[in-house]
Protein backbone atom coordinates (compact mmCIF):
# COMPACT_ATOMS: atom_id res chain seq x y z
CA UNK A 1 152.84 -98.84 -10.45
CA UNK A 2 150.65 -100.08 -7.61
CA UNK A 3 148.17 -97.54 -6.30
CA UNK A 4 147.16 -97.68 -2.66
CA UNK A 5 143.56 -97.29 -1.58
CA UNK A 6 142.29 -96.66 1.93
CA UNK A 7 139.12 -98.24 3.31
CA UNK A 8 137.85 -96.95 6.66
CA UNK A 9 135.61 -99.32 8.63
CA UNK A 10 133.24 -98.10 11.38
CA UNK A 11 131.15 -99.91 13.97
CA UNK A 12 127.77 -99.24 12.38
CA UNK A 13 128.61 -99.96 8.75
CA UNK A 14 130.76 -102.45 6.91
CA UNK A 15 132.41 -99.97 4.56
CA UNK A 16 132.49 -96.35 5.64
CA UNK A 17 135.05 -94.36 3.64
CA UNK A 18 137.43 -94.97 0.80
CA UNK A 19 139.90 -92.87 -1.09
CA UNK A 20 142.51 -93.60 -3.69
CA UNK A 21 145.86 -92.09 -4.53
CA UNK A 22 145.17 -92.70 -8.23
CA UNK A 23 142.80 -89.91 -9.38
CA UNK A 24 142.64 -91.28 -12.92
CA UNK A 25 141.04 -94.58 -11.91
CA UNK A 26 137.25 -94.25 -12.14
CA UNK A 27 136.59 -97.69 -10.61
CA UNK A 28 138.75 -96.85 -7.60
CA UNK A 29 137.11 -93.42 -7.30
CA UNK A 30 133.74 -95.14 -6.97
CA UNK A 31 135.07 -97.29 -4.14
CA UNK A 32 134.56 -101.00 -3.65
CA UNK A 33 131.13 -102.58 -3.25
CA UNK A 34 132.62 -105.74 -1.77
CA UNK A 35 136.06 -106.59 -0.42
CA UNK A 36 137.39 -110.06 0.37
CA UNK A 37 140.56 -111.72 1.57
CA UNK A 38 140.96 -109.33 4.52
CA UNK A 39 144.26 -109.91 6.28
CA UNK A 40 147.06 -108.35 8.30
CA UNK A 41 150.47 -107.22 7.12
CA UNK A 42 151.73 -107.31 10.69
CA UNK A 43 152.88 -103.88 11.85
CA UNK A 44 151.95 -102.38 8.45
CA UNK A 45 148.21 -102.73 9.06
CA UNK A 46 145.08 -104.47 7.84
CA UNK A 47 144.22 -104.99 4.16
CA UNK A 48 141.42 -106.37 1.95
CA UNK A 49 141.09 -107.06 -1.79
CA UNK A 50 138.59 -105.89 -4.37
CA UNK A 51 139.55 -108.08 -7.29
CA UNK A 52 143.30 -107.57 -7.66
CA UNK A 53 143.31 -104.14 -5.96
CA UNK A 54 144.43 -104.15 -2.33
CA UNK A 55 142.82 -101.68 0.09
CA UNK A 56 144.26 -100.67 3.45
CA UNK A 57 141.64 -100.89 6.21
CA UNK A 58 141.57 -98.38 9.05
CA UNK A 59 139.20 -98.90 11.95
CA UNK A 60 139.29 -98.32 15.68
CA UNK A 61 137.32 -101.52 16.29
CA UNK A 62 138.99 -104.07 13.99
CA UNK A 63 142.37 -105.67 14.62
CA UNK A 64 144.17 -108.61 13.02
CA UNK A 65 142.46 -110.84 15.59
CA UNK A 66 138.84 -109.83 14.84
CA UNK A 67 138.95 -108.63 11.19
CA UNK A 68 136.31 -110.50 9.14
CA UNK A 69 137.43 -112.10 5.88
CA UNK A 70 135.10 -109.86 3.84
CA UNK A 71 132.73 -106.89 3.79
CA UNK A 72 129.87 -106.49 1.31
CA UNK A 73 127.14 -104.01 0.38
CA UNK A 74 129.58 -101.10 0.64
CA UNK A 75 127.83 -97.85 -0.30
CA UNK A 76 127.88 -94.08 0.14
CA UNK A 77 126.28 -92.01 2.93
CA UNK A 78 126.65 -88.25 2.50
CA UNK A 79 129.64 -88.68 0.20
CA UNK A 80 131.45 -91.15 2.47
CA UNK A 81 131.77 -94.79 1.39
């Protein structure tokens, strides 16, 4: 079964929030530190990979046209990744 993670991107930080639908996965609970291969699934949204796990990206500022290929140095601020 493929779990779906959500990665929220904000203007002032590369990686802002992440959550997973798989509460038993400790690596996913920690959130990614780097995502690569960012791409669009058309109408379905924007996505990036951490290893083989695909994360859905939500951001008011990024679109398929200006989404960078990767984000790194993702970290927590007040409990938000």
